[in-house]
Amino acid sequence: MAKRTTIPQIMRLKGQRPIVSLTAYTAPLAGLLDEHVDFLLVGDSMGMVLYGLPSTLGVTLEMMIAHGAAVVRGSEKACVIVDMPFGSYQASPAQAFENAARVMSETGCAGVKLEGGQEMAETITFLVERGVPVLAHVGLLPQHSNRVGGFLTQRDEEKILADARAVADAGAFATVIECTEPAISRLITDEIAIPTIGIGAGVDCDGQILVTEDMIGQGTGYVPSFVKRYAEVHEDITKAAHNYAEDVRNRRFPKG
């Protein structure tokens, strides 16, 4: 069995080479991606991608644990990080630790991700001091989309830079920067000591992450403008289903 990439190894990649990450929610997909990424994120984006929810807000801790465990079982090499869903960590550092400890013990993942900058610094420190590695998330915060009016590019340099400094100082091992002006992401990447993982945040971050289903063209929903499609799985599945249906209706399948 291959030895998994560790969080210290990911941290040491800053300034060495770009860090590669994708989302995964199932064991089969995790197995396909495992050889090619440094870490897999079991994102709360599963609410929209897998469950057809209008946002990430309806995702539960139980959903994250079930899918996180599947991704850990389906992978051997990649470091696995699991999102903390909305409402599972914001109330207090103690609440965050109770739920993060459950995520880690029940999935076998290496760490958790939570959204927020300066307001979450105390919680990040509380978790890290108790053995829970934290991937932070600044810039656009999908769990805050109702408050900020949607999924909009973030341009408040002063706030985003302060958030990034806060999560780095709090002990996060890296931070996602989402939908942020590239010039701001570049400033953050140059200033903070931990890796930055961009999603719609420009090429100068220390690494990149995409929702895998966006990247492979699976699904017909909204696709952010920054996504590059590397396949068109939706078309392949649709064509396969059509051909199968035609064969069944015309008694070409199965052959007797």
C-alpha atoms as a PDB file:
ATOM      1  CA  MET A   1       0.000   0.000   0.000  1.00  0.00           C
ATOM      2  CA  ALA A   2       1.319   3.437  -0.925  1.00  0.00           C
ATOM      3  CA  LYS A   3       2.218   5.805   1.880  1.00  0.00           C
ATOM      4  CA  ARG A   4      -0.149   8.759   2.094  1.00  0.00           C
ATOM      5  CA  THR A   5       1.015  12.297   1.530  1.00  0.00           C
ATOM      6  CA  THR A   6       1.183  14.054   4.896  1.00  0.00           C
ATOM      7  CA  ILE A   7       0.239  17.572   5.871  1.00  0.00           C
ATOM      8  CA  PRO A   8       3.879  18.515   6.646  1.00  0.00           C
ATOM      9  CA  GLN A   9       4.814  17.329   3.150  1.00  0.00           C
ATOM     10  CA  ILE A  10       2.122  19.552   1.662  1.00  0.00           C
ATOM     11  CA  MET A  11       3.358  22.509   3.690  1.00  0.00           C
ATOM     12  CA  ARG A  12       6.910  21.981   2.447  1.00  0.00           C
ATOM     13  CA  LEU A  13       5.743  22.259  -1.166  1.00  0.00           C
ATOM     14  CA  LYS A  14       5.319  26.023  -0.800  1.00  0.00           C
ATOM     15  CA  GLY A  15       7.939  27.591  -3.031  1.00  0.00           C
ATOM     16  CA  GLN A  16       8.943  24.189  -4.431  1.00  0.00           C
ATOM     17  CA  ARG A  17       6.204  23.237  -6.907  1.00  0.00           C
ATOM     18  CA  PRO A  18       2.459  23.842  -7.326  1.00  0.00           C
ATOM     19  CA  ILE A  19       0.173  21.780  -5.107  1.00  0.00           C
ATOM     20  CA  VAL A  20      -2.524  19.772  -6.926  1.00  0.00           C
ATOM     21  CA  SER A  21      -5.966  19.175  -5.425  1.00  0.00           C
ATOM     22  CA  LEU A  22      -9.428  18.092  -6.557  1.00  0.00           C
ATOM     23  CA  THR A  23     -12.685  17.301  -4.814  1.00  0.00           C
ATOM     24  CA  ALA A  24     -13.959  13.759  -4.344  1.00  0.00           C
ATOM     25  CA  TYR A  25     -17.115  12.424  -2.723  1.00  0.00           C
ATOM     26  CA  THR A  26     -17.099   8.704  -3.566  1.00  0.00           C
ATOM     27  CA  ALA A  27     -14.677   5.794  -3.280  1.00  0.00           C
ATOM     28  CA  PRO A  28     -14.519   5.042  -7.039  1.00  0.00           C
ATOM     29  CA  LEU A  29     -13.752   8.634  -7.984  1.00  0.00           C
ATOM     30  CA  ALA A  30     -11.193   8.924  -5.191  1.00  0.00           C
ATOM     31  CA  GLY A  31      -9.438   5.868  -6.603  1.00  0.00           C
ATOM     32  CA  LEU A  32      -9.264   7.430 -10.058  1.00  0.00           C
ATOM     33  CA  LEU A  33      -7.856  10.738  -8.800  1.00  0.00           C
ATOM     34  CA  ASP A  34      -5.580   9.362  -6.082  1.00  0.00           C
ATOM     35  CA  GLU A  35      -2.394   8.983  -8.118  1.00  0.00           C
ATOM     36  CA  HIS A  36      -2.552  12.467  -9.571  1.00  0.00           C
ATOM     37  CA  VAL A  37      -3.185  14.809  -6.643  1.00  0.00           C
ATOM     38  CA  ASP A  38      -1.461  15.863  -3.441  1.00  0.00           C
ATOM     39  CA  PHE A  39      -4.701  16.055  -1.518  1.00  0.00           C
ATOM     40  CA  LEU A  40      -8.367  15.274  -2.023  1.00  0.00           C
ATOM     41  CA  LEU A  41     -10.974  17.570  -0.530  1.00  0.00           C
ATOM     42  CA  VAL A  42     -14.300  16.064   0.454  1.00  0.00           C
ATOM     43  CA  GLY A  43     -16.096  19.346  -0.088  1.00  0.00           C
ATOM     44  CA  ASP A  44     -19.516  20.439   1.082  1.00  0.00           C
ATOM     45  CA  SER A  45     -19.992  21.276  -2.609  1.00  0.00           C
ATOM     46  CA  MET A  46     -21.357  17.706  -2.678  1.00  0.00           C
ATOM     47  CA  GLY A  47     -24.666  19.230  -1.645  1.00  0.00           C
ATOM     48  CA  MET A  48     -25.011  20.855  -5.043  1.00  0.00           C
ATOM     49  CA  VAL A  49     -23.043  18.326  -7.116  1.00  0.00           C
ATOM     50  CA  LEU A  50     -24.489  15.071  -5.746  1.00  0.00           C
ATOM     51  CA  TYR A  51     -27.713  15.989  -3.975  1.00  0.00           C
ATOM     52  CA  GLY A  52     -29.128  18.754  -6.172  1.00  0.00           C
ATOM     53  CA  LEU A  53     -29.314  21.257  -3.329  1.00  0.00           C
ATOM     54  CA  PRO A  54     -29.386  24.971  -4.226  1.00  0.00           C
ATOM     55  CA  SER A  55     -26.363  25.719  -2.010  1.00  0.00           C
ATOM     56  CA  THR A  56     -24.006  24.066   0.461  1.00  0.00           C
ATOM     57  CA  LEU A  57     -26.093  25.101   3.463  1.00  0.00           C
ATOM     58  CA  GLY A  58     -28.192  21.927   3.587  1.00  0.00           C
ATOM     59  CA  VAL A  59     -25.207  19.594   3.931  1.00  0.00           C
ATOM     60  CA  THR A  60     -25.077  17.787   7.278  1.00  0.00           C
ATOM     61  CA  LEU A  61     -22.235  16.466   9.380  1.00  0.00           C
ATOM     62  CA  GLU A  62     -23.502  12.936   8.785  1.00  0.00           C
ATOM     63  CA  MET A  63     -23.279  13.459   5.007  1.00  0.00           C
ATOM     64  CA  MET A  64     -19.710  14.732   5.291  1.00  0.00           C
ATOM     65  CA  ILE A  65     -18.693  11.781   7.453  1.00  0.00           C
ATOM     66  CA  ALA A  66     -20.252   9.177   5.159  1.00  0.00           C
ATOM     67  CA  HIS A  67     -18.627  10.596   2.041  1.00  0.00           C
ATOM     68  CA  GLY A  68     -15.348  11.355   3.810  1.00  0.00           C
ATOM     69  CA  ALA A  69     -15.037   7.746   4.933  1.00  0.00           C
ATOM     70  CA  ALA A  70     -15.746   6.566   1.384  1.00  0.00           C
ATOM     71  CA  VAL A  71     -12.997   8.779  -0.056  1.00  0.00           C
ATOM     72  CA  VAL A  72     -10.490   7.560   2.522  1.00  0.00           C
ATOM     73  CA  ARG A  73     -11.375   3.950   1.711  1.00  0.00           C
ATOM     74  CA  GLY A  74     -11.096   4.594  -2.015  1.00  0.00           C
ATOM     75  CA  SER A  75      -7.682   6.251  -1.915  1.00  0.00           C
ATOM     76  CA  GLU A  76      -4.219   5.198  -0.815  1.00  0.00           C
ATOM     77  CA  LYS A  77      -1.780   7.996  -1.654  1.00  0.00           C
ATOM     78  CA  ALA A  78      -3.517  11.355  -1.381  1.00  0.00           C
ATOM     79  CA  CYS A  79      -3.944  13.293   1.828  1.00  0.00           C
ATOM     80  CA  VAL A  80      -7.696  13.566   2.527  1.00  0.00           C
ATOM     81  CA  ILE A  81      -9.286  16.696   4.005  1.00  0.00           C
ATOM     82  CA  VAL A  82     -12.990  16.926   4.895  1.00  0.00           C
ATOM     83  CA  ASP A  83     -15.104  20.085   4.939  1.00  0.00           C
ATOM     84  CA  MET A  84     -16.884  21.111   8.113  1.00  0.00           C
ATOM     85  CA  PRO A  85     -20.475  21.859   7.051  1.00  0.00           C
ATOM     86  CA  PHE A  86     -22.432  24.985   7.895  1.00  0.00           C
ATOM     87  CA  GLY A  87     -23.511  25.115  11.530  1.00  0.00           C
ATOM     88  CA  SER A  88     -21.037  22.499  12.744  1.00  0.00           C
ATOM     89  CA  TYR A  89     -18.249  24.821  13.935  1.00  0.00           C
ATOM     90  CA  GLN A  90     -19.363  28.458  14.117  1.00  0.00           C
ATOM     91  CA  ALA A  91     -21.013  28.459  17.552  1.00  0.00           C
ATOM     92  CA  SER A  92     -17.859  27.973  19.604  1.00  0.00           C
ATOM     93  CA  PRO A  93     -14.377  26.455  19.503  1.00  0.00           C
ATOM     94  CA  ALA A  94     -15.676  23.638  21.714  1.00  0.00           C
ATOM     95  CA  GLN A  95     -18.456  22.820  19.238  1.00  0.00           C
ATOM     96  CA  ALA A  96     -15.940  22.893  16.408  1.00  0.00           C
ATOM     97  CA  PHE A  97     -13.598  20.514  18.215  1.00  0.00           C
ATOM     98  CA  GLU A  98     -16.355  18.062  19.131  1.00  0.00           C
ATOM     99  CA  ASN A  99     -17.515  17.831  15.524  1.00  0.00           C
ATOM    100  CA  ALA A 100     -14.040  17.908  13.955  1.00  0.00           C
ATOM    101  CA  ALA A 101     -12.892  15.118  16.270  1.00  0.00           C
ATOM    102  CA  ARG A 102     -15.874  13.074  15.168  1.00  0.00           C
ATOM    103  CA  VAL A 103     -15.096  13.720  11.488  1.00  0.00           C
ATOM    104  CA  MET A 104     -11.488  12.646  11.898  1.00  0.00           C
ATOM    105  CA  SER A 105     -12.190   9.565  14.022  1.00  0.00           C
ATOM    106  CA  GLU A 106     -15.065   8.304  11.857  1.00  0.00           C
ATOM    107  CA  THR A 107     -13.476   8.955   8.448  1.00  0.00           C
ATOM    108  CA  GLY A 108      -9.747   8.524   8.991  1.00  0.00           C
ATOM    109  CA  CYS A 109      -9.054  11.828   7.235  1.00  0.00           C
ATOM    110  CA  ALA A 110      -5.927  13.896   7.897  1.00  0.00           C
ATOM    111  CA  GLY A 111      -7.646  17.189   8.698  1.00  0.00           C
ATOM    112  CA  VAL A 112     -10.673  19.411   8.245  1.00  0.00           C
ATOM    113  CA  LYS A 113     -11.478  22.580   6.323  1.00  0.00           C
ATOM    114  CA  LEU A 114     -13.539  25.449   7.631  1.00  0.00           C
ATOM    115  CA  GLU A 115     -14.524  28.807   6.197  1.00  0.00           C
ATOM    116  CA  GLY A 116     -13.707  32.191   7.672  1.00  0.00           C
ATOM    117  CA  GLY A 117     -10.808  34.489   8.435  1.00  0.00           C
ATOM    118  CA  GLN A 118     -10.305  36.716  11.442  1.00  0.00           C
ATOM    119  CA  GLU A 119     -13.558  35.594  13.076  1.00  0.00           C
ATOM    120  CA  MET A 120     -12.411  31.953  12.991  1.00  0.00           C
ATOM    121  CA  ALA A 121      -8.829  32.464  14.169  1.00  0.00           C
ATOM    122  CA  GLU A 122      -9.584  31.515  17.785  1.00  0.00           C
ATOM    123  CA  THR A 123     -11.355  28.350  16.643  1.00  0.00           C
ATOM    124  CA  ILE A 124      -8.493  27.364  14.328  1.00  0.00           C
ATOM    125  CA  THR A 125      -5.976  27.735  17.166  1.00  0.00           C
ATOM    126  CA  PHE A 126      -8.230  25.742  19.512  1.00  0.00           C
ATOM    127  CA  LEU A 127      -8.449  22.898  17.003  1.00  0.00           C
ATOM    128  CA  VAL A 128      -4.775  22.851  16.048  1.00  0.00           C
ATOM    129  CA  GLU A 129      -3.660  22.847  19.690  1.00  0.00           C
ATOM    130  CA  ARG A 130      -5.826  19.754  20.197  1.00  0.00           C
ATOM    131  CA  GLY A 131      -4.460  17.808  17.269  1.00  0.00           C
ATOM    132  CA  VAL A 132      -6.861  18.746  14.469  1.00  0.00           C
ATOM    133  CA  PRO A 133      -5.048  20.056  11.365  1.00  0.00           C
ATOM    134  CA  VAL A 134      -7.025  22.853   9.699  1.00  0.00           C
ATOM    135  CA  LEU A 135      -7.204  23.966   6.085  1.00  0.00           C
ATOM    136  CA  ALA A 136      -8.561  27.511   6.185  1.00  0.00           C
ATOM    137  CA  HIS A 137     -10.724  29.189   3.525  1.00  0.00           C
ATOM    138  CA  VAL A 138     -10.753  32.934   2.773  1.00  0.00           C
ATOM    139  CA  GLY A 139     -12.020  35.165  -0.004  1.00  0.00           C
ATOM    140  CA  LEU A 140     -15.419  34.053  -1.254  1.00  0.00           C
ATOM    141  CA  LEU A 141     -17.097  31.943   1.422  1.00  0.00           C
ATOM    142  CA  PRO A 142     -19.881  29.798  -0.101  1.00  0.00           C
ATOM    143  CA  GLN A 143     -21.474  29.210   3.308  1.00  0.00           C
ATOM    144  CA  HIS A 144     -21.880  33.022   3.550  1.00  0.00           C
ATOM    145  CA  SER A 145     -23.411  33.425   0.082  1.00  0.00           C
ATOM    146  CA  ASN A 146     -26.776  34.583   1.452  1.00  0.00           C
ATOM    147  CA  ARG A 147     -25.115  37.373   3.415  1.00  0.00           C
ATOM    148  CA  VAL A 148     -22.889  38.682   0.604  1.00  0.00           C
ATOM    149  CA  GLY A 149     -25.452  38.348  -2.182  1.00  0.00           C
ATOM    150  CA  GLY A 150     -24.155  35.373  -4.139  1.00  0.00           C
ATOM    151  CA  PHE A 151     -20.965  33.973  -5.607  1.00  0.00           C
ATOM    152  CA  LEU A 152     -19.143  37.188  -6.466  1.00  0.00           C
ATOM    153  CA  THR A 153     -15.448  37.887  -7.074  1.00  0.00           C
ATOM    154  CA  GLN A 154     -13.917  39.323  -3.911  1.00  0.00           C
ATOM    155  CA  ARG A 155     -11.976  42.598  -4.212  1.00  0.00           C
ATOM    156  CA  ASP A 156     -11.608  43.901  -0.640  1.00  0.00           C
ATOM    157  CA  GLU A 157      -7.821  43.648  -0.437  1.00  0.00           C
ATOM    158  CA  GLU A 158      -7.513  44.913   3.120  1.00  0.00           C
ATOM    159  CA  LYS A 159     -10.038  42.442   4.544  1.00  0.00           C
ATOM    160  CA  ILE A 160      -8.908  39.402   2.585  1.00  0.00           C
ATOM    161  CA  LEU A 161      -5.252  40.016   3.410  1.00  0.00           C
ATOM    162  CA  ALA A 162      -6.131  40.463   7.103  1.00  0.00           C
ATOM    163  CA  ASP A 163      -8.135  37.221   7.006  1.00  0.00           C
ATOM    164  CA  ALA A 164      -5.244  35.327   5.429  1.00  0.00           C
ATOM    165  CA  ARG A 165      -2.788  36.651   7.989  1.00  0.00           C
ATOM    166  CA  ALA A 166      -5.148  35.698  10.799  1.00  0.00           C
ATOM    167  CA  VAL A 167      -5.627  32.086   9.727  1.00  0.00           C
ATOM    168  CA  ALA A 168      -1.899  31.641   9.103  1.00  0.00           C
ATOM    169  CA  ASP A 169      -1.042  33.075  12.526  1.00  0.00           C
ATOM    170  CA  ALA A 170      -3.735  30.865  14.092  1.00  0.00           C
ATOM    171  CA  GLY A 171      -1.997  27.702  12.889  1.00  0.00           C
ATOM    172  CA  ALA A 172      -3.809  26.642   9.721  1.00  0.00           C
ATOM    173  CA  PHE A 173      -1.537  24.432   7.595  1.00  0.00           C
ATOM    174  CA  ALA A 174      -2.759  26.072   4.356  1.00  0.00           C
ATOM    175  CA  THR A 175      -5.609  28.226   3.126  1.00  0.00           C
ATOM    176  CA  VAL A 176      -7.943  28.093   0.181  1.00  0.00           C
ATOM    177  CA  ILE A 177      -8.427  31.452  -1.552  1.00  0.00           C
ATOM    178  CA  GLU A 178     -11.665  31.451  -3.531  1.00  0.00           C
ATOM    179  CA  CYS A 179     -12.862  33.809  -6.285  1.00  0.00           C
ATOM    180  CA  THR A 180     -10.464  36.599  -5.381  1.00  0.00           C
ATOM    181  CA  GLU A 181      -8.735  39.124  -7.603  1.00  0.00           C
ATOM    182  CA  PRO A 182      -5.421  37.536  -8.709  1.00  0.00           C
ATOM    183  CA  ALA A 183      -3.396  40.533  -7.527  1.00  0.00           C
ATOM    184  CA  ILE A 184      -4.737  40.031  -3.992  1.00  0.00           C
ATOM    185  CA  SER A 185      -3.988  36.306  -4.096  1.00  0.00           C
ATOM    186  CA  ARG A 186      -0.444  37.092  -5.217  1.00  0.00           C
ATOM    187  CA  LEU A 187       0.064  39.454  -2.267  1.00  0.00           C
ATOM    188  CA  ILE A 188      -1.223  36.841   0.168  1.00  0.00           C
ATOM    189  CA  THR A 189       0.900  34.059  -1.323  1.00  0.00           C
ATOM    190  CA  ASP A 190       4.024  36.203  -1.091  1.00  0.00           C
ATOM    191  CA  GLU A 191       3.346  37.314   2.472  1.00  0.00           C
ATOM    192  CA  ILE A 192       2.096  34.326   4.473  1.00  0.00           C
ATOM    193  CA  ALA A 193       4.266  31.326   5.290  1.00  0.00           C
ATOM    194  CA  ILE A 194       1.628  28.654   4.642  1.00  0.00           C
ATOM    195  CA  PRO A 195       0.551  27.410   1.186  1.00  0.00           C
ATOM    196  CA  THR A 196      -2.303  29.092  -0.644  1.00  0.00           C
ATOM    197  CA  ILE A 197      -4.677  26.948  -2.707  1.00  0.00           C
ATOM    198  CA  GLY A 198      -6.524  28.907  -5.351  1.00  0.00           C
ATOM    199  CA  ILE A 199      -9.936  28.356  -6.870  1.00  0.00           C
ATOM    200  CA  GLY A 200     -10.732  31.172  -9.249  1.00  0.00           C
ATOM    201  CA  ALA A 201      -7.950  33.186  -7.627  1.00  0.00           C
ATOM    202  CA  GLY A 202      -5.260  33.327 -10.308  1.00  0.00           C
ATOM    203  CA  VAL A 203      -2.150  31.429 -11.236  1.00  0.00           C
ATOM    204  CA  ASP A 204       0.175  32.739  -8.518  1.00  0.00           C
ATOM    205  CA  CYS A 205      -1.228  30.705  -5.624  1.00  0.00           C
ATOM    206  CA  ASP A 206       0.891  27.855  -4.279  1.00  0.00           C
ATOM    207  CA  GLY A 207      -1.626  25.334  -5.605  1.00  0.00           C
ATOM    208  CA  GLN A 208      -4.969  24.909  -7.309  1.00  0.00           C
ATOM    209  CA  ILE A 209      -8.221  23.074  -6.598  1.00  0.00           C
ATOM    210  CA  LEU A 210     -11.330  22.508  -8.693  1.00  0.00           C
ATOM    211  CA  VAL A 211     -14.609  20.698  -8.190  1.00  0.00           C
ATOM    212  CA  THR A 212     -13.892  17.518 -10.130  1.00  0.00           C
ATOM    213  CA  GLU A 213     -17.339  17.378 -11.708  1.00  0.00           C
ATOM    214  CA  ASP A 214     -16.777  20.855 -13.154  1.00  0.00           C
ATOM    215  CA  MET A 215     -13.353  19.841 -14.433  1.00  0.00           C
ATOM    216  CA  ILE A 216     -14.565  16.666 -16.180  1.00  0.00           C
ATOM    217  CA  GLY A 217     -17.801  18.115 -17.567  1.00  0.00           C
ATOM    218  CA  GLN A 218     -20.188  15.986 -15.527  1.00  0.00           C
ATOM    219  CA  GLY A 219     -23.494  17.745 -15.020  1.00  0.00           C
ATOM    220  CA  THR A 220     -25.246  20.587 -16.753  1.00  0.00           C
ATOM    221  CA  GLY A 221     -25.466  23.160 -13.970  1.00  0.00           C
ATOM    222  CA  TYR A 222     -23.662  26.475 -13.671  1.00  0.00           C
ATOM    223  CA  VAL A 223     -19.930  26.228 -14.287  1.00  0.00           C
ATOM    224  CA  PRO A 224     -17.719  29.093 -13.047  1.00  0.00           C
ATOM    225  CA  SER A 225     -15.869  31.008 -15.752  1.00  0.00           C
ATOM    226  CA  PHE A 226     -12.469  30.129 -14.288  1.00  0.00           C
ATOM    227  CA  VAL A 227     -13.011  26.367 -14.747  1.00  0.00           C
ATOM    228  CA  LYS A 228     -11.159  24.588 -17.539  1.00  0.00           C
ATOM    229  CA  ARG A 229     -12.947  21.497 -18.852  1.00  0.00           C
ATOM    230  CA  TYR A 230     -10.591  18.559 -19.354  1.00  0.00           C
ATOM    231  CA  ALA A 231     -13.341  16.122 -20.425  1.00  0.00           C
ATOM    232  CA  GLU A 232     -17.030  16.037 -21.334  1.00  0.00           C
ATOM    233  CA  VAL A 233     -18.299  13.155 -19.240  1.00  0.00           C
ATOM    234  CA  HIS A 234     -21.875  14.447 -19.353  1.00  0.00           C
ATOM    235  CA  GLU A 235     -21.961  13.977 -23.113  1.00  0.00           C
ATOM    236  CA  ASP A 236     -20.408  10.501 -22.896  1.00  0.00           C
ATOM    237  CA  ILE A 237     -22.917   9.311 -20.287  1.00  0.00           C
ATOM    238  CA  THR A 238     -25.848  10.760 -22.208  1.00  0.00           C
ATOM    239  CA  LYS A 239     -24.700   9.079 -25.420  1.00  0.00           C
ATOM    240  CA  ALA A 240     -24.138   5.747 -23.663  1.00  0.00           C
ATOM    241  CA  ALA A 241     -27.591   5.836 -22.057  1.00  0.00           C
ATOM    242  CA  HIS A 242     -29.189   6.692 -25.408  1.00  0.00           C
ATOM    243  CA  ASN A 243     -27.402   3.844 -27.190  1.00  0.00           C
ATOM    244  CA  TYR A 244     -28.310   1.378 -24.447  1.00  0.00           C
ATOM    245  CA  ALA A 245     -31.959   2.401 -24.530  1.00  0.00           C
ATOM    246  CA  GLU A 246     -32.064   2.021 -28.306  1.00  0.00           C
ATOM    247  CA  ASP A 247     -30.488  -1.437 -28.117  1.00  0.00           C
ATOM    248  CA  VAL A 248     -32.974  -2.596 -25.485  1.00  0.00           C
ATOM    249  CA  ARG A 249     -35.978  -1.263 -27.387  1.00  0.00           C
ATOM    250  CA  ASN A 250     -34.779  -2.912 -30.593  1.00  0.00           C
ATOM    251  CA  ARG A 251     -33.821  -6.177 -28.840  1.00  0.00           C
ATOM    252  CA  ARG A 252     -30.166  -5.798 -29.743  1.00  0.00           C
ATOM    253  CA  PHE A 253     -29.275  -6.135 -26.028  1.00  0.00           C
ATOM    254  CA  PRO A 254     -28.814  -8.613 -24.589  1.00  0.00           C
ATOM    255  CA  LYS A 255     -27.899 -10.947 -27.368  1.00  0.00           C
ATOM    256  CA  GLY A 256     -29.478 -14.362 -26.927  1.00  0.00           C
END
